[in-house]
Amino acid sequence: MGIATKDFEKLEKQSSAEFKKYANFRANIRLLRYTTDLSADAMGKTLKFKKFHRLRMLEEGKGASVRLEEAEAIGKFFKVPIESLLYKKAKIVFEE
């Protein structure tokens, strides 16, 4: 038995919505991580994630949604409120 086309389309829409939902978060953590000169895996180790490659997966939008503990750890490390990480668009400001 395979998955029905109707069910597959519904699942695909949910996945797309989930991916878009965390677009700001993915962009924000990637931008912040670049300021540290650490790879995603190294940052995951620094944050003591159980699976150090989890941060890379979050940045790429793969796997499960971000967990509260992960968002808190990232926010605390960068001194950024979780709400800003999740909902605001990152901006780069160049000083003259």
N, C-alpha and C. Protein backbone atom coordinates (compact mmCIF):
# COMPACT_ATOMS: atom_id res chain seq x y z
N MET A 1 0.84 -1.19 0.00
CA MET A 1 0.00 0.00 0.00
C MET A 1 0.88 1.24 0.00
N GLY A 2 0.58 2.13 -0.89
CA GLY A 2 1.32 3.37 -0.96
C GLY A 2 0.49 4.53 -0.41
N ILE A 3 1.10 5.65 -0.30
CA ILE A 3 0.39 6.83 0.17
C ILE A 3 -0.45 7.39 -0.98
N ALA A 4 -1.68 7.74 -0.67
CA ALA A 4 -2.58 8.28 -1.70
C ALA A 4 -2.08 9.64 -2.16
N THR A 5 -2.31 9.95 -3.42
CA THR A 5 -1.86 11.22 -4.00
C THR A 5 -2.39 12.40 -3.21
N LYS A 6 -3.66 12.33 -2.81
CA LYS A 6 -4.29 13.40 -2.04
C LYS A 6 -3.55 13.61 -0.71
N ASP A 7 -3.24 12.51 -0.03
CA ASP A 7 -2.52 12.60 1.24
C ASP A 7 -1.12 13.14 1.05
N PHE A 8 -0.47 12.71 -0.03
CA PHE A 8 0.88 13.18 -0.32
C PHE A 8 0.90 14.68 -0.56
N GLU A 9 -0.07 15.18 -1.32
CA GLU A 9 -0.15 16.62 -1.59
C GLU A 9 -0.37 17.40 -0.30
N LYS A 10 -1.21 16.87 0.57
CA LYS A 10 -1.47 17.53 1.86
C LYS A 10 -0.18 17.58 2.69
N LEU A 11 0.53 16.46 2.72
CA LEU A 11 1.78 16.39 3.46
C LEU A 11 2.82 17.35 2.88
N GLU A 12 2.88 17.44 1.58
CA GLU A 12 3.82 18.34 0.91
C GLU A 12 3.52 19.80 1.26
N LYS A 13 2.24 20.17 1.30
CA LYS A 13 1.86 21.54 1.65
C LYS A 13 2.24 21.85 3.09
N GLN A 14 2.03 20.88 3.99
CA GLN A 14 2.38 21.09 5.39
C GLN A 14 3.89 21.28 5.53
N SER A 15 4.66 20.48 4.83
CA SER A 15 6.12 20.57 4.89
C SER A 15 6.58 21.93 4.38
N SER A 16 5.98 22.39 3.29
CA SER A 16 6.33 23.69 2.72
C SER A 16 6.00 24.81 3.70
N ALA A 17 4.83 24.72 4.33
CA ALA A 17 4.42 25.74 5.30
C ALA A 17 5.36 25.75 6.49
N GLU A 18 5.75 24.56 6.96
CA GLU A 18 6.67 24.44 8.09
C GLU A 18 8.03 25.04 7.72
N PHE A 19 8.48 24.78 6.49
CA PHE A 19 9.77 25.30 6.02
C PHE A 19 9.73 26.83 5.99
N LYS A 20 8.66 27.40 5.46
CA LYS A 20 8.52 28.86 5.38
C LYS A 20 8.39 29.49 6.76
N LYS A 21 7.72 28.77 7.67
CA LYS A 21 7.47 29.30 9.01
C LYS A 21 8.78 29.66 9.73
N TYR A 22 9.81 28.85 9.49
CA TYR A 22 11.07 29.07 10.19
C TYR A 22 12.14 29.71 9.31
N ALA A 23 11.73 30.34 8.21
CA ALA A 23 12.70 30.96 7.30
C ALA A 23 13.51 32.04 8.00
N ASN A 24 12.86 32.89 8.78
CA ASN A 24 13.58 33.95 9.50
C ASN A 24 14.56 33.35 10.51
N PHE A 25 14.11 32.33 11.21
CA PHE A 25 14.96 31.68 12.21
C PHE A 25 16.22 31.12 11.55
N ARG A 26 16.04 30.42 10.44
CA ARG A 26 17.18 29.83 9.74
C ARG A 26 18.16 30.90 9.30
N ALA A 27 17.64 31.98 8.73
CA ALA A 27 18.50 33.07 8.26
C ALA A 27 19.20 33.76 9.44
N ASN A 28 18.48 33.95 10.52
CA ASN A 28 19.05 34.63 11.69
C ASN A 28 20.18 33.83 12.32
N ILE A 29 19.97 32.53 12.51
CA ILE A 29 21.04 31.78 13.17
C ILE A 29 22.25 31.63 12.25
N ARG A 30 22.02 31.54 10.96
CA ARG A 30 23.15 31.45 10.02
C ARG A 30 23.95 32.76 10.06
N LEU A 31 23.26 33.89 10.03
CA LEU A 31 23.94 35.18 10.06
C LEU A 31 24.71 35.37 11.37
N LEU A 32 24.06 35.04 12.47
CA LEU A 32 24.73 35.17 13.77
C LEU A 32 25.93 34.24 13.87
N ARG A 33 25.77 33.04 13.37
CA ARG A 33 26.87 32.08 13.42
C ARG A 33 28.07 32.57 12.63
N TYR A 34 27.83 33.22 11.51
CA TYR A 34 28.93 33.76 10.70
C TYR A 34 29.75 34.77 11.48
N THR A 35 29.13 35.46 12.43
CA THR A 35 29.86 36.45 13.22
C THR A 35 30.86 35.79 14.17
N THR A 36 30.71 34.48 14.41
CA THR A 36 31.59 33.77 15.33
C THR A 36 32.72 33.05 14.64
N ASP A 37 32.65 32.96 13.31
CA ASP A 37 33.64 32.20 12.53
C ASP A 37 33.67 30.73 12.93
N LEU A 38 32.53 30.20 13.38
CA LEU A 38 32.43 28.78 13.71
C LEU A 38 31.57 28.08 12.67
N SER A 39 31.90 26.84 12.38
CA SER A 39 31.04 26.05 11.49
C SER A 39 29.77 25.71 12.26
N ALA A 40 28.75 25.29 11.54
CA ALA A 40 27.49 24.90 12.19
C ALA A 40 27.73 23.74 13.15
N ASP A 41 28.56 22.78 12.75
CA ASP A 41 28.84 21.64 13.62
C ASP A 41 29.60 22.06 14.87
N ALA A 42 30.58 22.95 14.71
CA ALA A 42 31.34 23.45 15.86
C ALA A 42 30.45 24.24 16.81
N MET A 43 29.53 25.03 16.24
CA MET A 43 28.60 25.78 17.07
C MET A 43 27.68 24.83 17.82
N GLY A 44 27.24 23.77 17.16
CA GLY A 44 26.40 22.77 17.83
C GLY A 44 27.12 22.14 19.02
N LYS A 45 28.42 21.88 18.86
CA LYS A 45 29.22 21.34 19.97
C LYS A 45 29.33 22.37 21.09
N THR A 46 29.57 23.63 20.72
CA THR A 46 29.69 24.71 21.70
C THR A 46 28.41 24.85 22.52
N LEU A 47 27.27 24.73 21.83
CA LEU A 47 25.97 24.86 22.50
C LEU A 47 25.55 23.58 23.22
N LYS A 48 26.38 22.53 23.09
CA LYS A 48 26.15 21.24 23.75
C LYS A 48 24.85 20.58 23.29
N PHE A 49 24.57 20.68 21.99
CA PHE A 49 23.44 19.96 21.43
C PHE A 49 23.79 18.48 21.47
N LYS A 50 22.81 17.63 21.72
CA LYS A 50 23.06 16.18 21.78
C LYS A 50 23.64 15.69 20.46
N LYS A 51 23.09 16.19 19.37
CA LYS A 51 23.63 15.88 18.05
C LYS A 51 24.24 17.17 17.52
N PHE A 52 25.55 17.22 17.49
CA PHE A 52 26.23 18.47 17.15
C PHE A 52 25.86 18.99 15.77
N HIS A 53 25.47 18.12 14.86
CA HIS A 53 25.10 18.57 13.51
C HIS A 53 23.67 19.12 13.46
N ARG A 54 23.01 19.16 14.59
CA ARG A 54 21.62 19.64 14.65
C ARG A 54 21.50 21.09 14.18
N LEU A 55 22.46 21.94 14.52
CA LEU A 55 22.40 23.34 14.11
C LEU A 55 22.45 23.46 12.59
N ARG A 56 23.30 22.66 11.97
CA ARG A 56 23.36 22.66 10.50
C ARG A 56 22.02 22.23 9.92
N MET A 57 21.40 21.22 10.52
CA MET A 57 20.10 20.76 10.05
C MET A 57 19.04 21.85 10.21
N LEU A 58 19.09 22.58 11.31
CA LEU A 58 18.14 23.67 11.53
C LEU A 58 18.33 24.77 10.49
N GLU A 59 19.57 25.11 10.21
CA GLU A 59 19.86 26.16 9.22
C GLU A 59 19.36 25.76 7.83
N GLU A 60 19.47 24.48 7.52
CA GLU A 60 19.07 24.00 6.20
C GLU A 60 17.58 23.67 6.12
N GLY A 61 16.89 23.70 7.25
CA GLY A 61 15.47 23.39 7.26
C GLY A 61 15.18 21.91 7.16
N LYS A 62 16.12 21.09 7.58
CA LYS A 62 15.95 19.64 7.53
C LYS A 62 15.60 19.13 8.91
N GLY A 63 14.90 18.03 8.95
CA GLY A 63 14.59 17.41 10.23
C GLY A 63 13.41 18.08 10.91
N ALA A 64 13.31 17.85 12.19
CA ALA A 64 12.18 18.37 12.97
C ALA A 64 12.30 19.87 13.19
N SER A 65 11.22 20.47 13.62
CA SER A 65 11.19 21.90 13.92
C SER A 65 12.11 22.20 15.10
N VAL A 66 12.44 23.45 15.23
CA VAL A 66 13.31 23.87 16.33
C VAL A 66 12.62 23.60 17.66
N ARG A 67 13.41 23.14 18.62
CA ARG A 67 12.89 22.88 19.97
C ARG A 67 13.14 24.12 20.82
N LEU A 68 12.31 24.30 21.83
CA LEU A 68 12.42 25.47 22.71
C LEU A 68 13.80 25.54 23.34
N GLU A 69 14.32 24.40 23.82
CA GLU A 69 15.64 24.40 24.46
C GLU A 69 16.73 24.87 23.49
N GLU A 70 16.59 24.47 22.23
CA GLU A 70 17.58 24.87 21.22
C GLU A 70 17.51 26.37 20.96
N ALA A 71 16.31 26.88 20.81
CA ALA A 71 16.14 28.32 20.58
C ALA A 71 16.66 29.12 21.77
N GLU A 72 16.40 28.62 22.98
CA GLU A 72 16.89 29.30 24.18
C GLU A 72 18.41 29.31 24.23
N ALA A 73 19.03 28.18 23.91
CA ALA A 73 20.50 28.08 23.94
C ALA A 73 21.12 29.03 22.91
N ILE A 74 20.55 29.07 21.72
CA ILE A 74 21.07 29.95 20.68
C ILE A 74 20.89 31.41 21.08
N GLY A 75 19.71 31.75 21.57
CA GLY A 75 19.43 33.11 22.01
C GLY A 75 20.34 33.56 23.13
N LYS A 76 20.56 32.67 24.10
CA LYS A 76 21.43 33.00 25.23
C LYS A 76 22.88 33.20 24.76
N PHE A 77 23.34 32.34 23.89
CA PHE A 77 24.72 32.45 23.38
C PHE A 77 24.95 33.77 22.68
N PHE A 78 24.00 34.19 21.85
CA PHE A 78 24.15 35.42 21.08
C PHE A 78 23.55 36.64 21.77
N LYS A 79 22.94 36.43 22.94
CA LYS A 79 22.29 37.51 23.70
C LYS A 79 21.20 38.18 22.87
N VAL A 80 20.35 37.32 22.28
CA VAL A 80 19.25 37.76 21.42
C VAL A 80 17.97 37.11 21.93
N PRO A 81 16.88 37.88 22.07
CA PRO A 81 15.62 37.28 22.52
C PRO A 81 15.13 36.23 21.51
N ILE A 82 14.51 35.19 22.02
CA ILE A 82 14.00 34.12 21.16
C ILE A 82 13.02 34.66 20.13
N GLU A 83 12.19 35.61 20.53
CA GLU A 83 11.20 36.18 19.61
C GLU A 83 11.89 36.80 18.40
N SER A 84 13.01 37.46 18.63
CA SER A 84 13.75 38.06 17.52
C SER A 84 14.32 36.99 16.60
N LEU A 85 14.83 35.93 17.19
CA LEU A 85 15.37 34.83 16.38
C LEU A 85 14.30 34.20 15.49
N LEU A 86 13.12 34.02 16.05
CA LEU A 86 12.06 33.31 15.33
C LEU A 86 11.30 34.16 14.33
N TYR A 87 11.04 35.41 14.67
CA TYR A 87 10.07 36.18 13.89
C TYR A 87 10.61 37.38 13.14
N LYS A 88 11.75 37.92 13.52
CA LYS A 88 12.26 39.12 12.85
C LYS A 88 13.25 38.73 11.77
N LYS A 89 13.33 39.54 10.74
CA LYS A 89 14.31 39.31 9.68
C LYS A 89 15.65 39.89 10.09
N ALA A 90 16.69 39.11 9.87
CA ALA A 90 18.04 39.57 10.18
C ALA A 90 18.43 40.70 9.23
N LYS A 91 19.19 41.62 9.75
CA LYS A 91 19.68 42.72 8.92
C LYS A 91 21.17 42.85 9.12
N ILE A 92 21.84 43.18 8.07
CA ILE A 92 23.28 43.45 8.15
C ILE A 92 23.45 44.94 8.01
N VAL A 93 24.18 45.53 8.95
CA VAL A 93 24.42 46.97 8.91
C VAL A 93 25.92 47.17 8.78
N PHE A 94 26.32 47.87 7.74
CA PHE A 94 27.75 48.16 7.53
C PHE A 94 28.03 49.55 8.07
N GLU A 95 29.06 49.61 8.90
CA GLU A 95 29.47 50.90 9.46
C GLU A 95 30.40 51.59 8.47
N GLU A 96 30.27 52.89 8.40
CA GLU A 96 31.14 53.65 7.49
C GLU A 96 32.28 54.28 8.24
